[in-house]
Every structure is written in C-alpha cells, then in structure tokens.
Amino acid sequence: MRFQALAVILAKQKWPDLIASGRHKDGGLDAYAPASVAEDKRAKGLASSITATITKIKGDATNVKKNFPDGEILIFATPQKVINPTIQGWATEIRTEFGYELIVMAREDIITSLMIPSNTPLCR
C-alpha cells in the first residue's frame, strides 16, 4: 500500500490529470484520467505493483478493459528493476492483446524521481 501511494504521487507529477482511486475495489487502476479531463484527450490509468511480471500487467489490463472502456494508455509502476528489452516486449504484448499503449515506470525512474529536491519529503 505504501508503494501504491508513492507511485500515484510520482505518476501525478508526470501526468497531473490522473485522479487517485481508492485502495480497494479500484477496477484495476490506482489512478485514472478519463479522456474528458486528460490534457491530451486520451484516457490513461496507473496500475502499480511490487510484482513486475507480464502476468500481473495482463491481469490489471483485463480489469481495466472491463471497468474503464475508454482507456488508451496503461502506466505500470514497479520498484523492481525492469530492462528496456523486457519493457518493449511487454508493450508489444499489451498493445496486441488489449490495444493499450504501455508505459512502465520501473525502479530507475522511481529512484531518479525521488532524487529531485522537491521530492525529498517523500523519502521519509
């Protein structure tokens, strides 16, 4: 749960139109921006997990497809190390199977975001 809150805060810095969801029964998303409020008019959602597997992402994508039919972009945040070839493979699979653009915020992105001076309070 603590990582979920951190992931939402960091994702909102990149995509300010995201709106945080409740912690339970969230329909697969920890934050969501419907197309009607999204700056780029593309609905996007954030799913976060300490488990970084394609199985986990597909499970979230399945729930998102059912509960957020206007979704176009799926952002996945994880504190795990995920290399670019893996991310590219996941992105291809998710686009093919679900039609979503997949953006992965992995360990390195989270660490470098936390190094920004204004994010110092998040490190406590």
C-alpha atoms as a PDB file:
ATOM      1  CA  MET A   1       0.000   0.000   0.000  1.00  0.00           C
ATOM      2  CA  ARG A   2       2.860   2.401   0.731  1.00  0.00           C
ATOM      3  CA  PHE A   3       4.330   1.827  -2.710  1.00  0.00           C
ATOM      4  CA  GLN A   4       0.932   2.421  -4.305  1.00  0.00           C
ATOM      5  CA  ALA A   5       0.712   5.863  -2.669  1.00  0.00           C
ATOM      6  CA  LEU A   6       4.250   6.716  -3.760  1.00  0.00           C
ATOM      7  CA  ALA A   7       3.559   5.522  -7.310  1.00  0.00           C
ATOM      8  CA  VAL A   8       0.431   7.679  -7.532  1.00  0.00           C
ATOM      9  CA  ILE A   9       2.295  10.782  -6.318  1.00  0.00           C
ATOM     10  CA  LEU A  10       5.165  10.276  -8.776  1.00  0.00           C
ATOM     11  CA  ALA A  11       2.799   9.485 -11.657  1.00  0.00           C
ATOM     12  CA  LYS A  12       0.727  12.613 -10.932  1.00  0.00           C
ATOM     13  CA  GLN A  13       3.922  14.648 -11.305  1.00  0.00           C
ATOM     14  CA  LYS A  14       4.295  13.324 -14.861  1.00  0.00           C
ATOM     15  CA  TRP A  15       0.569  13.182 -15.705  1.00  0.00           C
ATOM     16  CA  PRO A  16      -1.204  15.751 -13.493  1.00  0.00           C
ATOM     17  CA  ASP A  17      -4.632  14.834 -14.828  1.00  0.00           C
ATOM     18  CA  LEU A  18      -4.555  11.453 -13.014  1.00  0.00           C
ATOM     19  CA  ILE A  19      -7.075  11.111 -10.186  1.00  0.00           C
ATOM     20  CA  ALA A  20      -6.203   8.707  -7.375  1.00  0.00           C
ATOM     21  CA  SER A  21      -8.522   5.744  -6.780  1.00  0.00           C
ATOM     22  CA  GLY A  22      -9.493   4.089  -3.530  1.00  0.00           C
ATOM     23  CA  ARG A  23      -7.146   1.393  -2.292  1.00  0.00           C
ATOM     24  CA  HIS A  24      -9.600  -1.468  -2.707  1.00  0.00           C
ATOM     25  CA  LYS A  25     -12.006  -2.447  -5.482  1.00  0.00           C
ATOM     26  CA  ASP A  26     -10.362   0.070  -7.806  1.00  0.00           C
ATOM     27  CA  GLY A  27     -11.190  -1.781 -11.028  1.00  0.00           C
ATOM     28  CA  GLY A  28      -7.519  -2.428 -11.716  1.00  0.00           C
ATOM     29  CA  LEU A  29      -6.266   1.156 -11.513  1.00  0.00           C
ATOM     30  CA  ASP A  30      -4.630   3.098  -8.699  1.00  0.00           C
ATOM     31  CA  ALA A  31      -5.250   6.376 -10.548  1.00  0.00           C
ATOM     32  CA  TYR A  32      -7.255   7.236 -13.647  1.00  0.00           C
ATOM     33  CA  ALA A  33      -7.736  10.163 -16.028  1.00  0.00           C
ATOM     34  CA  PRO A  34     -10.802   9.868 -18.270  1.00  0.00           C
ATOM     35  CA  ALA A  35     -10.423  11.277 -21.767  1.00  0.00           C
ATOM     36  CA  SER A  36     -12.759  14.141 -20.850  1.00  0.00           C
ATOM     37  CA  VAL A  37     -10.244  15.569 -18.327  1.00  0.00           C
ATOM     38  CA  ALA A  38      -6.975  14.333 -19.828  1.00  0.00           C
ATOM     39  CA  GLU A  39      -4.847  17.116 -21.269  1.00  0.00           C
ATOM     40  CA  ASP A  40      -4.159  15.068 -24.412  1.00  0.00           C
ATOM     41  CA  LYS A  41      -7.789  13.777 -24.507  1.00  0.00           C
ATOM     42  CA  ARG A  42      -6.509  10.186 -24.147  1.00  0.00           C
ATOM     43  CA  ALA A  43      -7.779   8.231 -21.149  1.00  0.00           C
ATOM     44  CA  LYS A  44      -4.964   6.845 -19.044  1.00  0.00           C
ATOM     45  CA  GLY A  45      -4.647   4.791 -15.917  1.00  0.00           C
ATOM     46  CA  LEU A  46      -1.959   3.827 -13.441  1.00  0.00           C
ATOM     47  CA  ALA A  47      -1.524   0.339 -12.047  1.00  0.00           C
ATOM     48  CA  SER A  48       1.258  -0.274  -9.545  1.00  0.00           C
ATOM     49  CA  SER A  49       2.711  -3.422  -8.081  1.00  0.00           C
ATOM     50  CA  ILE A  50       5.779  -4.702  -6.315  1.00  0.00           C
ATOM     51  CA  THR A  51       5.414  -7.678  -8.664  1.00  0.00           C
ATOM     52  CA  ALA A  52       6.872  -6.912 -12.093  1.00  0.00           C
ATOM     53  CA  THR A  53       5.599  -9.605 -14.426  1.00  0.00           C
ATOM     54  CA  ILE A  54       3.647  -9.644 -17.670  1.00  0.00           C
ATOM     55  CA  THR A  55       1.097 -11.851 -15.903  1.00  0.00           C
ATOM     56  CA  LYS A  56       0.446  -9.094 -13.359  1.00  0.00           C
ATOM     57  CA  ILE A  57       0.175  -6.442 -16.066  1.00  0.00           C
ATOM     58  CA  LYS A  58      -2.202  -8.601 -18.107  1.00  0.00           C
ATOM     59  CA  GLY A  59      -4.361  -9.153 -15.030  1.00  0.00           C
ATOM     60  CA  ASP A  60      -4.576  -5.403 -14.467  1.00  0.00           C
ATOM     61  CA  ALA A  61      -5.210  -4.779 -18.177  1.00  0.00           C
ATOM     62  CA  THR A  62      -8.068  -7.299 -18.138  1.00  0.00           C
ATOM     63  CA  ASN A  63      -9.717  -5.469 -15.224  1.00  0.00           C
ATOM     64  CA  VAL A  64      -9.110  -2.092 -16.841  1.00  0.00           C
ATOM     65  CA  LYS A  65     -10.678  -3.242 -20.127  1.00  0.00           C
ATOM     66  CA  LYS A  66     -13.793  -4.311 -18.226  1.00  0.00           C
ATOM     67  CA  ASN A  67     -14.081  -1.272 -15.950  1.00  0.00           C
ATOM     68  CA  PHE A  68     -12.630   1.617 -17.991  1.00  0.00           C
ATOM     69  CA  PRO A  69     -13.713   1.094 -21.614  1.00  0.00           C
ATOM     70  CA  ASP A  70     -12.246   4.402 -22.836  1.00  0.00           C
ATOM     71  CA  GLY A  71      -8.713   3.501 -21.681  1.00  0.00           C
ATOM     72  CA  GLU A  72      -5.879   4.068 -24.144  1.00  0.00           C
ATOM     73  CA  ILE A  73      -2.731   4.316 -22.027  1.00  0.00           C
ATOM     74  CA  LEU A  74      -1.775   1.943 -19.217  1.00  0.00           C
ATOM     75  CA  ILE A  75       1.007   3.135 -16.927  1.00  0.00           C
ATOM     76  CA  PHE A  76       2.601   0.413 -14.817  1.00  0.00           C
ATOM     77  CA  ALA A  77       4.760   1.395 -11.834  1.00  0.00           C
ATOM     78  CA  THR A  78       7.004  -1.060 -10.022  1.00  0.00           C
ATOM     79  CA  PRO A  79      10.004  -0.763  -7.697  1.00  0.00           C
ATOM     80  CA  GLN A  80      11.577  -3.744  -9.465  1.00  0.00           C
ATOM     81  CA  LYS A  81      14.386  -3.464 -11.982  1.00  0.00           C
ATOM     82  CA  VAL A  82      12.997  -3.958 -15.487  1.00  0.00           C
ATOM     83  CA  ILE A  83      15.266  -3.650 -18.526  1.00  0.00           C
ATOM     84  CA  ASN A  84      14.256  -1.945 -21.776  1.00  0.00           C
ATOM     85  CA  PRO A  85      14.048  -5.124 -23.903  1.00  0.00           C
ATOM     86  CA  THR A  86      11.604  -6.573 -21.359  1.00  0.00           C
ATOM     87  CA  ILE A  87       9.557  -3.368 -21.341  1.00  0.00           C
ATOM     88  CA  GLN A  88       9.447  -3.347 -25.152  1.00  0.00           C
ATOM     89  CA  GLY A  89       8.260  -6.971 -25.187  1.00  0.00           C
ATOM     90  CA  TRP A  90       5.579  -6.225 -22.617  1.00  0.00           C
ATOM     91  CA  ALA A  91       4.461  -3.138 -24.558  1.00  0.00           C
ATOM     92  CA  THR A  92       4.071  -5.143 -27.756  1.00  0.00           C
ATOM     93  CA  GLU A  93       2.120  -7.862 -25.962  1.00  0.00           C
ATOM     94  CA  ILE A  94      -0.201  -5.409 -24.203  1.00  0.00           C
ATOM     95  CA  ARG A  95      -0.842  -3.428 -27.389  1.00  0.00           C
ATOM     96  CA  THR A  96      -1.596  -6.607 -29.341  1.00  0.00           C
ATOM     97  CA  GLU A  97      -3.826  -8.196 -26.717  1.00  0.00           C
ATOM     98  CA  PHE A  98      -5.547  -5.142 -25.202  1.00  0.00           C
ATOM     99  CA  GLY A  99      -4.906  -2.188 -27.524  1.00  0.00           C
ATOM    100  CA  TYR A 100      -3.207  -0.124 -24.795  1.00  0.00           C
ATOM    101  CA  GLU A 101      -0.041   1.890 -25.022  1.00  0.00           C
ATOM    102  CA  LEU A 102       2.036   0.621 -22.087  1.00  0.00           C
ATOM    103  CA  ILE A 103       4.352   2.946 -20.190  1.00  0.00           C
ATOM    104  CA  VAL A 104       6.494   1.366 -17.470  1.00  0.00           C
ATOM    105  CA  MET A 105       7.818   3.362 -14.526  1.00  0.00           C
ATOM    106  CA  ALA A 106      10.418   0.954 -13.175  1.00  0.00           C
ATOM    107  CA  ARG A 107      12.965   1.155 -10.374  1.00  0.00           C
ATOM    108  CA  GLU A 108      15.414   3.530 -12.068  1.00  0.00           C
ATOM    109  CA  ASP A 109      12.707   6.047 -12.956  1.00  0.00           C
ATOM    110  CA  ILE A 110      11.347   5.943  -9.420  1.00  0.00           C
ATOM    111  CA  ILE A 111      14.814   6.389  -7.892  1.00  0.00           C
ATOM    112  CA  THR A 112      15.706   9.322 -10.134  1.00  0.00           C
ATOM    113  CA  SER A 113      12.320  10.949  -9.466  1.00  0.00           C
ATOM    114  CA  LEU A 114      12.950  10.675  -5.726  1.00  0.00           C
ATOM    115  CA  MET A 115      16.309  12.423  -6.204  1.00  0.00           C
ATOM    116  CA  ILE A 116      14.575  15.616  -7.324  1.00  0.00           C
ATOM    117  CA  PRO A 117      14.979  18.032  -4.404  1.00  0.00           C
ATOM    118  CA  SER A 118      11.262  18.814  -4.163  1.00  0.00           C
ATOM    119  CA  ASN A 119      10.601  15.096  -3.609  1.00  0.00           C
ATOM    120  CA  THR A 120      12.841  14.874  -0.529  1.00  0.00           C
ATOM    121  CA  PRO A 121       9.840  14.650   1.867  1.00  0.00           C
ATOM    122  CA  LEU A 122       8.669  11.521   0.018  1.00  0.00           C
ATOM    123  CA  CYS A 123      11.830   9.687   1.051  1.00  0.00           C
ATOM    124  CA  ARG A 124      10.941   9.706   4.739  1.00  0.00           C
END
